[in-house]
């Protein structure tokens, strides 16, 4: 079975990227894994958002990713362990993860 890799942009990296923007089928998605001070570690899940298209140019221009999820539509969450990255964990993710959201 061939893996369909989707290029990622990320901010924050601790073991894996913690904030990821992916463009797939002409839509922008954010996978956001925040630090949880109550457990003194990162959450075990990514919150996944579809971002508005008008953010595309702003992201390319280097806008801040702080509170980026609040600007999108929350689709749900996915365990960080179920997201497959390329061998570097910095270039791409397996597009199969989008099947969990019917995308």
N, C-alpha and C. Protein backbone atom coordinates (compact mmCIF):
# COMPACT_ATOMS: atom_id res chain seq x y z
N UNK A 1 0.84 -1.18 0.00
CA UNK A 1 0.00 0.00 0.00
C UNK A 1 0.89 1.25 0.00
N UNK A 2 0.63 2.16 -0.89
CA UNK A 2 1.40 3.38 -1.00
C UNK A 2 0.90 4.43 -0.02
N UNK A 3 1.83 5.10 0.63
CA UNK A 3 1.48 6.16 1.57
C UNK A 3 1.41 7.48 0.82
N UNK A 4 0.34 8.23 1.05
CA UNK A 4 0.20 9.56 0.48
C UNK A 4 0.68 10.56 1.53
N UNK A 5 1.85 11.15 1.28
CA UNK A 5 2.42 12.10 2.22
C UNK A 5 1.95 13.50 1.88
N UNK A 6 1.65 14.30 2.92
CA UNK A 6 1.24 15.69 2.77
C UNK A 6 2.29 16.56 3.47
N UNK A 7 2.80 17.54 2.76
CA UNK A 7 3.82 18.44 3.30
C UNK A 7 3.25 19.24 4.47
N UNK A 8 4.07 19.42 5.51
CA UNK A 8 3.64 20.17 6.69
C UNK A 8 4.51 21.42 6.89
N UNK A 9 3.92 22.38 7.59
CA UNK A 9 4.64 23.51 8.18
C UNK A 9 4.38 23.38 9.68
N UNK A 10 5.38 23.63 10.48
CA UNK A 10 5.16 23.44 11.91
C UNK A 10 5.85 24.53 12.73
N UNK A 11 5.36 24.67 13.93
CA UNK A 11 5.95 25.49 14.98
C UNK A 11 5.98 24.61 16.22
N UNK A 12 6.90 24.84 17.07
CA UNK A 12 7.06 24.06 18.30
C UNK A 12 7.31 22.59 17.98
N UNK A 13 8.40 22.11 18.48
CA UNK A 13 8.76 20.72 18.28
C UNK A 13 9.30 20.18 19.58
N UNK A 14 8.63 19.15 20.08
CA UNK A 14 9.12 18.41 21.24
C UNK A 14 8.75 16.96 20.99
N UNK A 15 9.70 16.17 20.58
CA UNK A 15 9.51 14.78 20.15
C UNK A 15 8.80 14.69 18.79
N UNK A 16 7.78 15.49 18.62
CA UNK A 16 7.03 15.58 17.37
C UNK A 16 6.64 17.05 17.17
N UNK A 17 6.23 17.43 15.98
CA UNK A 17 5.71 18.80 15.82
C UNK A 17 4.47 18.98 16.68
N UNK A 18 4.36 20.12 17.35
CA UNK A 18 3.24 20.36 18.26
C UNK A 18 2.18 21.28 17.66
N UNK A 19 2.52 22.02 16.64
CA UNK A 19 1.54 22.87 15.93
C UNK A 19 1.87 22.72 14.45
N UNK A 20 0.92 22.20 13.70
CA UNK A 20 1.16 21.85 12.29
C UNK A 20 0.08 22.46 11.42
N UNK A 21 0.48 23.06 10.31
CA UNK A 21 -0.47 23.50 9.29
C UNK A 21 -0.22 22.65 8.06
N UNK A 22 -1.32 22.11 7.53
CA UNK A 22 -1.28 21.23 6.36
C UNK A 22 -2.24 21.78 5.32
N UNK A 23 -1.80 21.77 4.07
CA UNK A 23 -2.72 22.10 2.99
C UNK A 23 -3.04 20.80 2.27
N UNK A 24 -4.34 20.50 2.19
CA UNK A 24 -4.79 19.27 1.52
C UNK A 24 -6.06 19.58 0.75
N UNK A 25 -6.02 19.21 -0.51
CA UNK A 25 -7.18 19.44 -1.39
C UNK A 25 -7.67 20.89 -1.33
N UNK A 26 -6.71 21.79 -1.33
CA UNK A 26 -6.95 23.23 -1.36
C UNK A 26 -7.63 23.77 -0.09
N UNK A 27 -7.49 23.05 1.00
CA UNK A 27 -7.99 23.49 2.31
C UNK A 27 -6.82 23.50 3.28
N UNK A 28 -6.89 24.40 4.26
CA UNK A 28 -5.87 24.49 5.29
C UNK A 28 -6.37 23.85 6.57
N UNK A 29 -5.50 23.08 7.23
CA UNK A 29 -5.85 22.43 8.48
C UNK A 29 -4.75 22.67 9.50
N UNK A 30 -5.16 22.83 10.74
CA UNK A 30 -4.25 22.99 11.85
C UNK A 30 -4.38 21.78 12.77
N UNK A 31 -3.25 21.17 13.11
CA UNK A 31 -3.18 20.14 14.12
C UNK A 31 -2.43 20.80 15.29
N UNK A 32 -3.11 20.98 16.42
CA UNK A 32 -2.56 21.75 17.52
C UNK A 32 -2.50 20.90 18.78
N UNK A 33 -1.32 20.75 19.32
CA UNK A 33 -1.12 19.97 20.55
C UNK A 33 -0.52 20.91 21.59
N UNK A 34 -1.35 21.35 22.51
CA UNK A 34 -0.94 22.36 23.49
C UNK A 34 -0.27 21.73 24.71
N UNK A 35 0.53 22.53 25.37
CA UNK A 35 1.12 22.10 26.63
C UNK A 35 0.05 22.20 27.71
N UNK A 36 -0.06 21.15 28.50
CA UNK A 36 -1.07 21.08 29.56
C UNK A 36 -0.35 21.19 30.90
N UNK A 37 -0.50 22.34 31.56
CA UNK A 37 0.21 22.58 32.81
C UNK A 37 -0.30 21.69 33.95
N UNK A 38 -1.53 21.23 33.87
CA UNK A 38 -2.06 20.35 34.92
C UNK A 38 -1.34 19.01 34.95
N UNK A 39 -0.97 18.50 33.80
CA UNK A 39 -0.26 17.22 33.76
C UNK A 39 1.23 17.42 33.53
N UNK A 40 1.66 18.68 33.37
CA UNK A 40 3.06 19.03 33.15
C UNK A 40 3.66 18.29 31.95
N UNK A 41 2.87 18.27 30.89
CA UNK A 41 3.29 17.61 29.65
C UNK A 41 2.36 18.08 28.53
N UNK A 42 2.69 17.70 27.32
CA UNK A 42 1.81 18.01 26.20
C UNK A 42 0.60 17.09 26.22
N UNK A 43 -0.52 17.61 25.73
CA UNK A 43 -1.73 16.80 25.61
C UNK A 43 -1.43 15.59 24.72
N UNK A 44 -2.10 14.48 24.94
CA UNK A 44 -1.86 13.30 24.11
C UNK A 44 -2.57 13.37 22.75
N UNK A 45 -3.37 14.41 22.54
CA UNK A 45 -4.14 14.55 21.30
C UNK A 45 -3.84 15.87 20.61
N UNK A 46 -3.99 15.85 19.30
CA UNK A 46 -4.04 17.08 18.52
C UNK A 46 -5.49 17.51 18.43
N UNK A 47 -5.76 18.78 18.62
CA UNK A 47 -7.05 19.36 18.24
C UNK A 47 -6.90 19.73 16.78
N UNK A 48 -7.89 19.38 15.97
CA UNK A 48 -7.79 19.59 14.52
C UNK A 48 -8.83 20.62 14.10
N UNK A 49 -8.38 21.60 13.31
CA UNK A 49 -9.22 22.70 12.85
C UNK A 49 -9.08 22.86 11.35
N UNK A 50 -10.17 23.25 10.71
CA UNK A 50 -10.09 23.72 9.34
C UNK A 50 -9.96 25.23 9.41
N UNK A 51 -8.93 25.76 8.78
CA UNK A 51 -8.66 27.19 8.83
C UNK A 51 -9.28 27.90 7.64
N UNK A 52 -9.71 29.15 7.82
CA UNK A 52 -10.28 29.90 6.69
C UNK A 52 -9.21 30.17 5.63
N UNK A 53 -9.64 30.14 4.39
CA UNK A 53 -8.72 30.31 3.27
C UNK A 53 -7.98 31.65 3.31
N UNK A 54 -8.62 32.67 3.87
CA UNK A 54 -7.97 33.99 3.89
C UNK A 54 -6.72 34.02 4.76
N UNK A 55 -6.50 33.01 5.58
CA UNK A 55 -5.28 32.95 6.38
C UNK A 55 -4.08 32.48 5.57
N UNK A 56 -4.31 31.90 4.41
CA UNK A 56 -3.23 31.34 3.60
C UNK A 56 -2.11 32.36 3.37
N UNK A 57 -2.44 33.53 2.87
CA UNK A 57 -1.43 34.55 2.59
C UNK A 57 -0.78 35.05 3.87
N UNK A 58 -1.55 35.16 4.94
CA UNK A 58 -1.01 35.63 6.21
C UNK A 58 -0.01 34.63 6.79
N UNK A 59 -0.33 33.34 6.67
CA UNK A 59 0.60 32.30 7.13
C UNK A 59 1.88 32.36 6.32
N UNK A 60 1.76 32.53 5.01
CA UNK A 60 2.94 32.61 4.15
C UNK A 60 3.78 33.84 4.47
N UNK A 61 3.13 34.89 4.99
CA UNK A 61 3.84 36.13 5.34
C UNK A 61 4.43 36.09 6.74
N UNK A 62 4.25 34.98 7.44
CA UNK A 62 4.87 34.82 8.75
C UNK A 62 4.04 35.26 9.94
N UNK A 63 2.71 35.22 9.82
CA UNK A 63 1.86 35.63 10.94
C UNK A 63 2.11 34.75 12.16
N UNK A 64 1.78 35.26 13.33
CA UNK A 64 1.88 34.51 14.57
C UNK A 64 0.86 33.36 14.57
N UNK A 65 1.27 32.24 15.10
CA UNK A 65 0.36 31.10 15.22
C UNK A 65 -0.33 31.07 16.57
N UNK A 66 -0.09 32.03 17.42
CA UNK A 66 -0.74 32.09 18.73
C UNK A 66 -2.25 32.15 18.54
N UNK A 67 -2.95 31.26 19.19
CA UNK A 67 -4.42 31.18 19.13
C UNK A 67 -4.95 30.96 17.71
N UNK A 68 -4.16 30.34 16.86
CA UNK A 68 -4.57 30.09 15.47
C UNK A 68 -5.83 29.22 15.42
N UNK A 69 -5.97 28.29 16.33
CA UNK A 69 -7.15 27.43 16.35
C UNK A 69 -8.44 28.21 16.52
N UNK A 70 -8.40 29.31 17.24
CA UNK A 70 -9.60 30.13 17.46
C UNK A 70 -10.10 30.77 16.17
N UNK A 71 -9.27 30.78 15.16
CA UNK A 71 -9.66 31.39 13.89
C UNK A 71 -10.23 30.36 12.92
N UNK A 72 -10.26 29.09 13.34
CA UNK A 72 -10.76 28.04 12.47
C UNK A 72 -11.97 27.33 13.03
N UNK A 73 -12.43 26.34 12.32
CA UNK A 73 -13.57 25.51 12.72
C UNK A 73 -13.02 24.20 13.27
N UNK A 74 -13.34 23.89 14.53
CA UNK A 74 -12.82 22.67 15.14
C UNK A 74 -13.51 21.45 14.54
N UNK A 75 -12.69 20.50 14.09
CA UNK A 75 -13.21 19.28 13.49
C UNK A 75 -13.23 18.12 14.48
N UNK A 76 -12.41 18.21 15.51
CA UNK A 76 -12.33 17.15 16.50
C UNK A 76 -10.91 16.98 16.97
N UNK A 77 -10.60 15.79 17.45
CA UNK A 77 -9.24 15.53 17.93
C UNK A 77 -8.78 14.16 17.45
N UNK A 78 -7.47 13.99 17.50
CA UNK A 78 -6.85 12.74 17.08
C UNK A 78 -5.62 12.53 17.96
N UNK A 79 -5.40 11.30 18.37
CA UNK A 79 -4.24 11.00 19.21
C UNK A 79 -2.95 11.30 18.45
N UNK A 80 -2.02 11.95 19.12
CA UNK A 80 -0.74 12.26 18.47
C UNK A 80 -0.06 10.97 18.01
N UNK A 81 -0.23 9.90 18.77
CA UNK A 81 0.41 8.62 18.43
C UNK A 81 -0.15 8.02 17.14
N UNK A 82 -1.34 8.44 16.70
CA UNK A 82 -1.92 7.88 15.48
C UNK A 82 -1.56 8.67 14.23
N UNK A 83 -0.81 9.78 14.40
CA UNK A 83 -0.37 10.57 13.25
C UNK A 83 1.00 10.07 12.84
N UNK A 84 1.09 9.60 11.60
CA UNK A 84 2.36 9.07 11.08
C UNK A 84 3.11 10.18 10.34
N UNK A 85 4.34 10.42 10.76
CA UNK A 85 5.19 11.41 10.13
C UNK A 85 6.25 10.72 9.27
N UNK A 86 6.85 11.50 8.37
CA UNK A 86 7.99 10.98 7.62
C UNK A 86 9.13 10.70 8.61
N UNK A 87 10.21 10.12 8.16
CA UNK A 87 11.29 9.70 9.05
C UNK A 87 11.92 10.85 9.82
N UNK A 88 11.86 12.07 9.30
CA UNK A 88 12.44 13.23 10.00
C UNK A 88 11.46 13.83 11.00
N UNK A 89 10.20 13.52 10.86
CA UNK A 89 9.10 14.09 11.65
C UNK A 89 8.96 15.60 11.44
N UNK A 90 9.52 16.11 10.35
CA UNK A 90 9.53 17.55 10.13
C UNK A 90 9.11 17.96 8.71
N UNK A 91 8.81 17.00 7.87
CA UNK A 91 8.50 17.34 6.48
C UNK A 91 7.08 17.03 6.04
N UNK A 92 6.54 15.90 6.50
CA UNK A 92 5.25 15.44 5.97
C UNK A 92 4.55 14.53 6.96
N UNK A 93 3.24 14.40 6.76
CA UNK A 93 2.47 13.41 7.51
C UNK A 93 1.64 12.58 6.54
N UNK A 94 1.25 11.42 7.00
CA UNK A 94 0.46 10.49 6.21
C UNK A 94 -0.97 11.04 6.10
N UNK A 95 -1.42 11.26 4.88
CA UNK A 95 -2.74 11.85 4.63
C UNK A 95 -3.89 10.95 5.09
N UNK A 96 -3.63 9.70 5.38
CA UNK A 96 -4.68 8.78 5.82
C UNK A 96 -5.36 9.27 7.09
N UNK A 97 -4.68 10.10 7.88
CA UNK A 97 -5.27 10.60 9.13
C UNK A 97 -6.54 11.41 8.86
N UNK A 98 -6.65 11.99 7.68
CA UNK A 98 -7.82 12.80 7.36
C UNK A 98 -9.09 11.96 7.21
N UNK A 99 -8.95 10.66 7.00
CA UNK A 99 -10.10 9.76 6.89
C UNK A 99 -10.91 9.76 8.20
N UNK A 100 -10.25 9.99 9.31
CA UNK A 100 -10.95 10.03 10.61
C UNK A 100 -11.96 11.18 10.68
N UNK A 101 -11.79 12.17 9.80
CA UNK A 101 -12.67 13.33 9.80
C UNK A 101 -13.55 13.36 8.54
N UNK A 102 -13.55 12.26 7.79
CA UNK A 102 -14.35 12.18 6.58
C UNK A 102 -13.87 13.10 5.47
N UNK A 103 -12.58 13.42 5.48
CA UNK A 103 -12.01 14.35 4.49
C UNK A 103 -11.14 13.62 3.48
